[in-house]
Amino acid sequence: MKSTTLHPVNAKRKRKIWKFLTLLGPGLTTGAADDDPSGIATYSQTGAQFGYGQLWTALYMLPFMTAVQEACARIGLVSGKGIAAVIKEHYSKTVLYSAVALVVIANTINIGADIGAMASAAQLLVPLPFIIITLFFTALILVLEIFTNYKVYSKILKWLALALLSYPITIFIVHQDWGTVLKASVIPHIDFNFQFLFIITGVLGTTITPYMFFWEASQEVEENKTLKLDDAGKPKITPRHIKNMRIDNNVGMIISEFTTWCIILVGASVLHASGVKDVKTAADAAKAIEPLVHSFPHSGYLAKVIFSIGIIGLGLLAVPVLSGSAAYAVSEAFSWRASLNLKLKRAHGFYGVITISTLIGLMINFVGIDPVKALVFAAVLNGVAAVPLLFLIARIARNETIMGEHKSGQLSNILLWSTFVGMGAAAIGMFCTL
């Protein structure tokens, strides 16, 4: 009879893998939520419309996206407060309410676009009315977010991130001119016209996006509520805490940007190459992963199944992040109790914002806006709204009074301010070419 005892080397390797996986939390969830239905639609449209023309954005956005999210996570970890709470403590009410309004408006529109996309994707599989499906998803999301324990819910969010795998698999099935792909991934190409700048603003906005700023900071606060406080009421942070946070954040952002690159590449090599240059419906977007299942019977339907599962899974991941980050921002601004660990009766305001923002997002779907187009417009809106918020985050992260010894170093400062300038320039360029 064979022994089931692990060899010491294998047991040690297994412990290391498990330890690494337990480090993954807010950074992984935030990175996965970044490739939400809005992101998938925007990146697919980018690849379909411009081919490999914007493939380079994934590589060049990675260090900036990582720096921004690291700064947000560090603010939450070091201060023990979310971004809105820090702004409230150190800036005027005008600045506070403006920042909160930006994230709430952008998030609510994004929620509506994501719910609509989930319903459109589901209609590829089940012949139910659009309104019925949107109501079902809205109710499901609210029940999960309000009545599920945070630890259980965070595990659900981690597993939903697996829905992203269909795109990386597809790029290796489709024939690629890897020399051209590599060149397009490294050498920037820019056209100074409205169409190009509109989409690139959307790409930036759905990658470096306001809800991620507030969510990751607040989730670091949630994750570290067990830490002892110092005399100033701040968590006692050790170098190990900072290191673990950075590992989590870096892994989440690398996965997110690799997936972004894959979605753009699939859009370019499948949609653009076959003459589809405008993604108008969920069915159009689903065609991008048909090569994944081309050898199977009914490959078109199977592609729709995989696409729909991805959109629905990522929507279930992203909508709670969107409404949750808005709720954290509003609750911190008005000093309400704010935590996904709290029961409904102890955090009425917090869960009230989650419910209201989700329901308003739901209603956006009934004003006649095309769900797929709404996703791209939501991404562009995020790209514009992120600019003033980046200015605040860069200032907070380098403020020694707030951050102490953990304030931004020179490299972090350079990357944060470069992100602010770059996204500001893209937004201004888009408006100027309008």
Protein backbone atom coordinates (compact mmCIF):
# COMPACT_ATOMS: atom_id res chain seq x y z
CA MET A 1 0.00 0.00 0.00
CA LYS A 2 1.47 3.37 -1.05
CA SER A 3 2.13 6.02 1.56
CA THR A 4 0.28 9.32 1.14
CA THR A 5 2.90 11.26 3.10
CA LEU A 6 4.42 14.07 1.05
CA HIS A 7 8.14 14.12 0.43
CA PRO A 8 9.74 16.86 2.63
CA VAL A 9 10.75 18.88 -0.44
CA ASN A 10 7.25 18.67 -1.93
CA ALA A 11 5.65 19.52 1.40
CA LYS A 12 7.89 22.59 1.73
CA ARG A 13 7.07 23.66 -1.84
CA LYS A 14 3.36 23.20 -1.15
CA ARG A 15 3.60 25.35 2.00
CA LYS A 16 5.38 28.10 0.05
CA ILE A 17 2.71 28.07 -2.67
CA TRP A 18 -0.07 28.17 -0.09
CA LYS A 19 1.66 31.01 1.79
CA PHE A 20 1.98 32.96 -1.47
CA LEU A 21 -1.70 32.43 -2.32
CA THR A 22 -2.79 33.63 1.12
CA LEU A 23 -0.97 36.92 0.48
CA LEU A 24 -3.25 37.63 -2.47
CA GLY A 25 -6.25 39.74 -1.52
CA PRO A 26 -7.16 43.36 -2.31
CA GLY A 27 -4.55 43.65 -5.07
CA LEU A 28 -5.68 40.51 -6.90
CA THR A 29 -9.38 41.35 -6.54
CA THR A 30 -8.82 44.93 -7.70
CA GLY A 31 -6.72 43.82 -10.66
CA ALA A 32 -9.31 41.26 -11.73
CA ALA A 33 -12.17 43.75 -11.31
CA ASP A 34 -10.25 46.13 -13.57
CA ASP A 35 -10.94 43.78 -16.49
CA ASP A 36 -14.68 44.14 -15.96
CA PRO A 37 -17.28 44.07 -18.76
CA SER A 38 -16.45 47.73 -19.48
CA GLY A 39 -12.79 46.80 -19.84
CA ILE A 40 -13.51 43.80 -22.05
CA ALA A 41 -15.75 45.89 -24.33
CA THR A 42 -13.23 48.75 -24.54
CA TYR A 43 -10.23 46.51 -25.20
CA SER A 44 -12.20 44.44 -27.76
CA GLN A 45 -13.26 47.64 -29.53
CA THR A 46 -9.65 48.85 -29.47
CA GLY A 47 -8.38 45.69 -31.13
CA ALA A 48 -11.25 45.56 -33.62
CA GLN A 49 -10.98 49.23 -34.63
CA PHE A 50 -7.21 49.76 -34.66
CA GLY A 51 -5.78 46.25 -34.92
CA TYR A 52 -2.39 46.16 -33.21
CA GLY A 53 -2.30 49.99 -33.10
CA GLN A 54 -2.90 50.30 -29.33
CA LEU A 55 -1.35 47.02 -28.23
CA TRP A 56 1.59 48.92 -26.70
CA THR A 57 -0.69 50.57 -24.11
CA ALA A 58 -0.79 47.39 -21.98
CA LEU A 59 2.98 47.34 -21.50
CA TYR A 60 3.37 51.06 -20.92
CA MET A 61 0.42 51.33 -18.53
CA LEU A 62 1.69 48.55 -16.25
CA PRO A 63 4.26 50.54 -14.21
CA PHE A 64 1.92 53.54 -13.90
CA MET A 65 -1.09 51.44 -12.94
CA THR A 66 1.02 49.51 -10.42
CA ALA A 67 2.39 52.72 -8.90
CA VAL A 68 -1.07 54.29 -8.57
CA GLN A 69 -2.62 51.22 -6.95
CA GLU A 70 0.42 50.72 -4.69
CA ALA A 71 0.04 54.31 -3.48
CA CYS A 72 -3.69 53.79 -2.80
CA ALA A 73 -3.05 50.52 -0.96
CA ARG A 74 -0.23 52.13 1.04
CA ILE A 75 -2.48 55.04 2.03
CA GLY A 76 -5.09 52.62 3.37
CA LEU A 77 -2.54 50.36 5.05
CA VAL A 78 -0.53 53.11 6.76
CA SER A 79 -3.33 55.51 7.73
CA GLY A 80 -5.89 52.84 8.63
CA LYS A 81 -8.43 54.91 6.68
CA GLY A 82 -9.91 54.99 3.21
CA ILE A 83 -9.02 57.71 0.74
CA ALA A 84 -12.17 59.75 1.37
CA ALA A 85 -11.52 59.69 5.14
CA VAL A 86 -7.96 60.94 4.58
CA ILE A 87 -9.18 63.72 2.26
CA LYS A 88 -11.77 64.72 4.87
CA GLU A 89 -9.10 64.99 7.55
CA HIS A 90 -6.58 67.01 5.55
CA TYR A 91 -8.49 68.94 2.86
CA SER A 92 -11.48 71.25 2.56
CA LYS A 93 -15.09 70.09 2.30
CA THR A 94 -15.17 71.34 -1.30
CA VAL A 95 -12.30 69.04 -2.24
CA LEU A 96 -13.86 66.15 -0.29
CA TYR A 97 -17.34 66.43 -1.79
CA SER A 98 -15.94 66.96 -5.29
CA ALA A 99 -13.80 63.81 -5.05
CA VAL A 100 -16.67 61.74 -3.64
CA ALA A 101 -19.08 63.05 -6.29
CA LEU A 102 -16.66 62.12 -9.07
CA VAL A 103 -16.29 58.53 -7.93
CA VAL A 104 -20.02 58.06 -7.17
CA ILE A 105 -21.16 59.43 -10.56
CA ALA A 106 -18.53 57.51 -12.54
CA ASN A 107 -19.19 54.29 -10.60
CA THR A 108 -22.98 54.50 -10.92
CA ILE A 109 -22.79 54.89 -14.70
CA ASN A 110 -20.28 52.05 -14.84
CA ILE A 111 -22.59 49.85 -12.75
CA GLY A 112 -25.43 50.46 -15.21
CA ALA A 113 -23.22 49.64 -18.18
CA ASP A 114 -21.91 46.44 -16.55
CA ILE A 115 -25.38 45.18 -15.55
CA GLY A 116 -26.59 45.85 -19.10
CA ALA A 117 -23.61 43.96 -20.52
CA MET A 118 -24.28 40.98 -18.24
CA ALA A 119 -27.90 40.89 -19.38
CA SER A 120 -26.91 41.17 -23.07
CA ALA A 121 -24.40 38.34 -22.62
CA ALA A 122 -26.99 36.18 -20.86
CA GLN A 123 -29.46 36.76 -23.73
CA LEU A 124 -27.00 34.98 -26.02
CA LEU A 125 -27.85 31.82 -24.06
CA VAL A 126 -31.36 32.22 -22.69
CA PRO A 127 -34.33 33.80 -24.53
CA LEU A 128 -35.57 35.90 -21.62
CA PRO A 129 -36.53 39.60 -21.72
CA PHE A 130 -33.71 42.06 -21.05
CA ILE A 131 -35.55 43.61 -18.08
CA ILE A 132 -36.01 40.24 -16.33
CA ILE A 133 -32.32 39.38 -16.61
CA THR A 134 -31.15 42.81 -15.39
CA LEU A 135 -33.48 42.57 -12.37
CA PHE A 136 -32.20 39.08 -11.57
CA PHE A 137 -28.52 40.10 -11.68
CA THR A 138 -29.18 43.24 -9.66
CA ALA A 139 -30.96 41.26 -6.94
CA LEU A 140 -28.24 38.57 -6.89
CA ILE A 141 -25.44 41.12 -6.54
CA LEU A 142 -27.20 43.01 -3.74
CA VAL A 143 -27.92 39.83 -1.79
CA LEU A 144 -24.31 38.65 -2.08
CA GLU A 145 -22.84 42.00 -1.09
CA ILE A 146 -25.20 42.84 1.77
CA PHE A 147 -25.83 39.45 3.36
CA THR A 148 -22.59 37.52 2.72
CA ASN A 149 -19.74 37.55 5.25
CA TYR A 150 -16.73 39.53 3.98
CA LYS A 151 -14.28 36.62 4.26
CA VAL A 152 -16.61 34.36 2.29
CA TYR A 153 -17.36 37.11 -0.21
CA SER A 154 -13.66 37.91 -0.81
CA LYS A 155 -13.05 34.23 -1.61
CA ILE A 156 -15.92 34.31 -4.10
CA LEU A 157 -14.33 37.35 -5.76
CA LYS A 158 -10.96 35.58 -6.06
CA TRP A 159 -12.48 32.55 -7.82
CA LEU A 160 -14.48 34.72 -10.22
CA ALA A 161 -11.15 36.11 -11.46
CA LEU A 162 -10.63 32.76 -13.27
CA ALA A 163 -13.20 33.90 -15.84
CA LEU A 164 -10.40 35.90 -17.51
CA LEU A 165 -8.55 32.79 -18.73
CA SER A 166 -10.42 32.42 -22.04
CA TYR A 167 -8.53 35.32 -23.67
CA PRO A 168 -4.94 34.24 -22.84
CA ILE A 169 -5.78 30.75 -24.12
CA THR A 170 -7.25 32.13 -27.36
CA ILE A 171 -4.14 34.12 -28.36
CA PHE A 172 -2.10 30.94 -28.57
CA ILE A 173 -4.73 29.18 -30.71
CA VAL A 174 -5.03 31.96 -33.29
CA HIS A 175 -2.14 32.19 -35.77
CA GLN A 176 -0.05 35.24 -34.87
CA ASP A 177 2.76 37.08 -36.62
CA TRP A 178 4.68 37.26 -33.36
CA GLY A 179 7.33 39.57 -34.80
CA THR A 180 4.67 42.16 -35.68
CA VAL A 181 2.91 41.58 -32.34
CA LEU A 182 6.13 42.13 -30.40
CA LYS A 183 6.92 45.30 -32.35
CA ALA A 184 3.40 46.69 -31.80
CA SER A 185 3.60 45.82 -28.10
CA VAL A 186 6.83 47.77 -27.58
CA ILE A 187 6.82 50.66 -30.06
CA PRO A 188 4.06 53.23 -29.40
CA HIS A 189 1.81 54.31 -32.26
CA ILE A 190 -0.34 57.44 -31.87
CA ASP A 191 -2.81 59.05 -34.28
CA PHE A 192 -3.93 62.58 -33.45
CA ASN A 193 -7.60 62.25 -34.31
CA PHE A 194 -10.75 62.05 -32.19
CA GLN A 195 -11.46 58.35 -32.78
CA PHE A 196 -7.99 57.27 -31.67
CA LEU A 197 -7.82 59.61 -28.66
CA PHE A 198 -11.40 58.76 -27.62
CA ILE A 199 -10.61 55.04 -27.44
CA ILE A 200 -7.19 55.54 -25.83
CA THR A 201 -8.84 57.71 -23.15
CA GLY A 202 -11.26 54.82 -22.60
CA VAL A 203 -8.38 52.33 -22.41
CA LEU A 204 -6.63 54.52 -19.81
CA GLY A 205 -9.89 55.13 -17.95
CA THR A 206 -10.89 51.49 -17.69
CA THR A 207 -7.34 50.55 -16.62
CA ILE A 208 -6.40 53.33 -14.19
CA THR A 209 -9.88 53.93 -12.90
CA PRO A 210 -11.37 55.84 -9.93
CA TYR A 211 -13.21 52.96 -8.29
CA MET A 212 -9.96 50.99 -8.02
CA PHE A 213 -8.35 53.84 -6.05
CA PHE A 214 -11.01 53.86 -3.35
CA TRP A 215 -11.65 50.11 -3.32
CA GLU A 216 -8.07 48.92 -2.80
CA ALA A 217 -7.37 51.49 -0.07
CA SER A 218 -10.57 50.54 1.79
CA GLN A 219 -9.89 46.83 1.39
CA GLU A 220 -6.44 47.25 2.92
CA VAL A 221 -8.23 48.81 5.89
CA GLU A 222 -10.62 45.83 6.01
CA GLU A 223 -7.77 43.31 5.76
CA ASN A 224 -5.75 44.92 8.54
CA LYS A 225 -8.35 45.73 11.21
CA THR A 226 -6.69 43.16 13.46
CA LEU A 227 -3.44 45.18 13.56
CA LYS A 228 -2.53 46.91 16.80
CA LEU A 229 -2.77 50.72 16.78
CA ASP A 230 -0.08 53.16 17.85
CA ASP A 231 -0.59 56.23 20.05
CA ALA A 232 -1.83 58.24 17.04
CA GLY A 233 -4.50 55.67 16.28
CA LYS A 234 -2.74 54.36 13.16
CA PRO A 235 -1.92 50.68 12.47
CA LYS A 236 1.56 49.57 13.47
CA ILE A 237 3.04 48.78 10.09
CA THR A 238 6.19 46.69 9.70
CA PRO A 239 8.33 46.27 6.57
CA ARG A 240 6.74 42.82 6.19
CA HIS A 241 3.28 44.37 5.90
CA ILE A 242 4.49 46.73 3.16
CA LYS A 243 6.27 43.88 1.36
CA ASN A 244 3.19 41.63 1.43
CA MET A 245 0.97 44.46 0.21
CA ARG A 246 3.31 45.13 -2.70
CA ILE A 247 3.46 41.44 -3.67
CA ASP A 248 -0.34 41.28 -3.69
CA ASN A 249 -0.63 44.54 -5.65
CA ASN A 250 2.07 43.66 -8.19
CA VAL A 251 0.58 40.23 -8.90
CA GLY A 252 -2.91 41.72 -9.34
CA MET A 253 -1.72 44.45 -11.71
CA ILE A 254 0.49 42.15 -13.80
CA ILE A 255 -2.40 39.70 -14.26
CA SER A 256 -4.72 42.60 -15.12
CA GLU A 257 -2.42 44.11 -17.75
CA PHE A 258 -1.50 40.76 -19.26
CA THR A 259 -5.22 40.09 -19.69
CA THR A 260 -5.68 43.56 -21.21
CA TRP A 261 -2.93 42.79 -23.74
CA CYS A 262 -4.57 39.44 -24.54
CA ILE A 263 -8.03 40.97 -25.10
CA ILE A 264 -6.64 43.69 -27.42
CA LEU A 265 -4.59 41.08 -29.30
CA VAL A 266 -7.56 38.75 -29.69
CA GLY A 267 -9.70 41.65 -30.92
CA ALA A 268 -7.03 42.59 -33.45
CA SER A 269 -6.18 39.09 -34.71
CA VAL A 270 -9.77 37.76 -34.83
CA LEU A 271 -12.17 40.69 -35.27
CA HIS A 272 -10.05 43.30 -37.10
CA ALA A 273 -8.46 40.67 -39.32
CA SER A 274 -11.90 39.41 -40.42
CA GLY A 275 -13.20 42.90 -41.16
CA VAL A 276 -15.16 43.50 -37.92
CA LYS A 277 -14.06 47.01 -36.91
CA ASP A 278 -16.96 48.05 -34.71
CA VAL A 279 -18.14 45.93 -31.77
CA LYS A 280 -21.85 46.77 -31.69
CA THR A 281 -23.34 43.88 -29.73
CA ALA A 282 -22.41 41.17 -27.24
CA ALA A 283 -22.58 38.68 -30.12
CA ASP A 284 -19.93 40.67 -31.99
CA ALA A 285 -17.64 40.60 -28.96
CA ALA A 286 -18.23 36.86 -28.48
CA LYS A 287 -16.86 36.19 -31.99
CA ALA A 288 -13.41 37.13 -30.69
CA ILE A 289 -13.06 33.82 -28.87
CA GLU A 290 -14.59 31.54 -31.53
CA PRO A 291 -11.09 30.26 -32.48
CA LEU A 292 -10.90 28.79 -28.96
CA VAL A 293 -13.62 26.30 -29.86
CA HIS A 294 -13.49 26.22 -33.68
CA SER A 295 -12.88 22.44 -33.83
CA PHE A 296 -15.96 21.64 -31.74
CA PRO A 297 -19.50 21.21 -33.11
CA HIS A 298 -21.60 24.36 -32.80
CA SER A 299 -18.45 26.40 -32.13
CA GLY A 300 -20.30 29.70 -32.53
CA TYR A 301 -22.70 28.85 -29.71
CA LEU A 302 -19.91 27.46 -27.53
CA ALA A 303 -17.97 30.72 -27.98
CA LYS A 304 -21.05 32.60 -26.82
CA VAL A 305 -21.25 30.35 -23.75
CA ILE A 306 -17.63 31.00 -22.78
CA PHE A 307 -17.93 34.72 -23.49
CA SER A 308 -21.16 34.97 -21.49
CA ILE A 309 -19.69 33.13 -18.51
CA GLY A 310 -16.72 35.51 -18.59
CA ILE A 311 -18.86 38.66 -18.81
CA ILE A 312 -21.30 37.48 -16.14
CA GLY A 313 -18.54 36.26 -13.80
CA LEU A 314 -16.56 39.48 -14.12
CA GLY A 315 -19.73 41.53 -13.79
CA LEU A 316 -20.53 39.76 -10.53
CA LEU A 317 -17.01 40.65 -9.46
CA ALA A 318 -16.95 44.25 -10.69
CA VAL A 319 -20.40 45.63 -9.81
CA PRO A 320 -19.97 45.00 -6.06
CA VAL A 321 -16.53 46.61 -6.27
CA LEU A 322 -18.03 49.64 -8.00
CA SER A 323 -20.92 50.07 -5.57
CA GLY A 324 -18.73 49.15 -2.61
CA SER A 325 -16.06 51.74 -3.42
CA ALA A 326 -18.77 54.41 -3.81
CA ALA A 327 -20.23 53.36 -0.44
CA TYR A 328 -16.84 53.55 1.28
CA ALA A 329 -16.27 57.04 -0.15
CA VAL A 330 -19.67 58.42 0.91
CA SER A 331 -19.58 56.74 4.33
CA GLU A 332 -16.10 58.05 5.09
CA ALA A 333 -17.12 61.54 4.00
CA PHE A 334 -20.07 61.56 6.45
CA SER A 335 -18.38 59.49 9.19
CA TRP A 336 -20.79 56.57 8.83
CA ARG A 337 -19.84 53.04 9.76
CA ALA A 338 -18.38 51.41 6.68
CA SER A 339 -17.40 47.76 6.42
CA LEU A 340 -18.46 44.67 4.52
CA ASN A 341 -17.91 42.82 7.80
CA LEU A 342 -20.76 44.73 9.46
CA LYS A 343 -24.32 43.48 9.45
CA LEU A 344 -26.97 45.53 7.64
CA LYS A 345 -28.52 46.82 10.89
CA ARG A 346 -25.15 48.29 11.98
CA ALA A 347 -24.31 50.05 8.71
CA HIS A 348 -27.53 51.33 7.18
CA GLY A 349 -25.86 54.26 5.40
CA PHE A 350 -23.06 52.14 3.93
CA TYR A 351 -25.38 49.47 2.56
CA GLY A 352 -27.89 52.16 1.58
CA VAL A 353 -25.33 53.70 -0.79
CA ILE A 354 -24.57 50.25 -2.23
CA THR A 355 -28.25 49.63 -2.84
CA ILE A 356 -29.08 53.07 -4.26
CA SER A 357 -26.07 53.23 -6.60
CA THR A 358 -26.81 49.73 -7.88
CA LEU A 359 -30.50 50.51 -8.45
CA ILE A 360 -29.74 53.81 -10.23
CA GLY A 361 -27.25 51.90 -12.38
CA LEU A 362 -29.99 49.40 -13.15
CA MET A 363 -32.36 52.18 -14.27
CA ILE A 364 -29.77 53.58 -16.69
CA ASN A 365 -30.45 50.48 -18.80
CA PHE A 366 -34.01 51.59 -19.47
CA VAL A 367 -33.29 54.94 -21.14
CA GLY A 368 -32.44 53.45 -24.53
CA ILE A 369 -28.62 53.40 -24.40
CA ASP A 370 -26.98 50.49 -26.22
CA PRO A 371 -25.30 48.30 -23.53
CA VAL A 372 -22.05 47.68 -25.43
CA LYS A 373 -21.62 51.35 -26.43
CA ALA A 374 -22.42 52.36 -22.83
CA LEU A 375 -19.46 50.28 -21.63
CA VAL A 376 -17.02 52.23 -23.81
CA PHE A 377 -18.52 55.60 -22.82
CA ALA A 378 -18.27 54.59 -19.15
CA ALA A 379 -14.58 53.83 -19.66
CA VAL A 380 -14.00 57.25 -21.26
CA LEU A 381 -15.84 58.97 -18.39
CA ASN A 382 -13.57 57.14 -15.93
CA GLY A 383 -10.55 58.35 -17.87
CA VAL A 384 -11.64 61.96 -17.42
CA ALA A 385 -12.74 61.57 -13.77
CA ALA A 386 -9.45 59.89 -12.79
CA VAL A 387 -7.34 62.97 -13.55
CA PRO A 388 -8.24 65.20 -10.55
CA LEU A 389 -8.32 62.16 -8.25
CA LEU A 390 -4.79 61.22 -9.31
CA PHE A 391 -3.66 64.72 -8.34
CA LEU A 392 -5.01 64.18 -4.82
CA ILE A 393 -3.58 60.67 -4.46
CA ALA A 394 -0.12 61.80 -5.53
CA ARG A 395 -0.20 64.61 -2.96
CA ILE A 396 -1.46 62.40 -0.14
CA ALA A 397 1.01 59.59 -0.85
CA ARG A 398 4.01 61.95 -0.57
CA ASN A 399 2.70 63.82 2.50
CA GLU A 400 4.94 63.00 5.47
CA THR A 401 2.32 64.17 7.97
CA ILE A 402 -0.09 61.54 6.69
CA MET A 403 2.26 58.77 5.60
CA GLY A 404 5.24 59.23 7.93
CA GLU A 405 8.22 57.08 6.96
CA HIS A 406 6.07 55.31 4.35
CA LYS A 407 5.56 58.37 2.13
CA SER A 408 6.24 57.97 -1.60
CA GLY A 409 9.84 57.71 -2.69
CA GLN A 410 11.30 59.37 -5.76
CA LEU A 411 10.32 56.61 -8.21
CA SER A 412 6.75 56.47 -6.91
CA ASN A 413 6.44 60.26 -7.17
CA ILE A 414 7.72 60.27 -10.76
CA LEU A 415 5.32 57.52 -11.82
CA LEU A 416 2.30 59.07 -10.04
CA TRP A 417 2.79 62.54 -11.48
CA SER A 418 3.58 61.11 -14.92
CA THR A 419 0.29 59.21 -14.80
CA PHE A 420 -1.56 62.40 -13.88
CA VAL A 421 0.05 64.33 -16.75
CA GLY A 422 -0.42 61.50 -19.28
CA MET A 423 -4.09 60.90 -18.53
CA GLY A 424 -4.75 64.63 -18.39
CA ALA A 425 -3.11 65.09 -21.78
CA ALA A 426 -5.17 62.25 -23.30
CA ALA A 427 -8.42 63.76 -21.99
CA ILE A 428 -7.51 67.28 -23.18
CA GLY A 429 -6.40 65.93 -26.57
CA MET A 430 -9.71 64.09 -26.95
CA PHE A 431 -11.75 67.24 -26.21
CA CYS A 432 -9.55 69.37 -28.48
CA THR A 433 -10.06 67.01 -31.42
CA LEU A 434 -13.82 66.77 -30.81
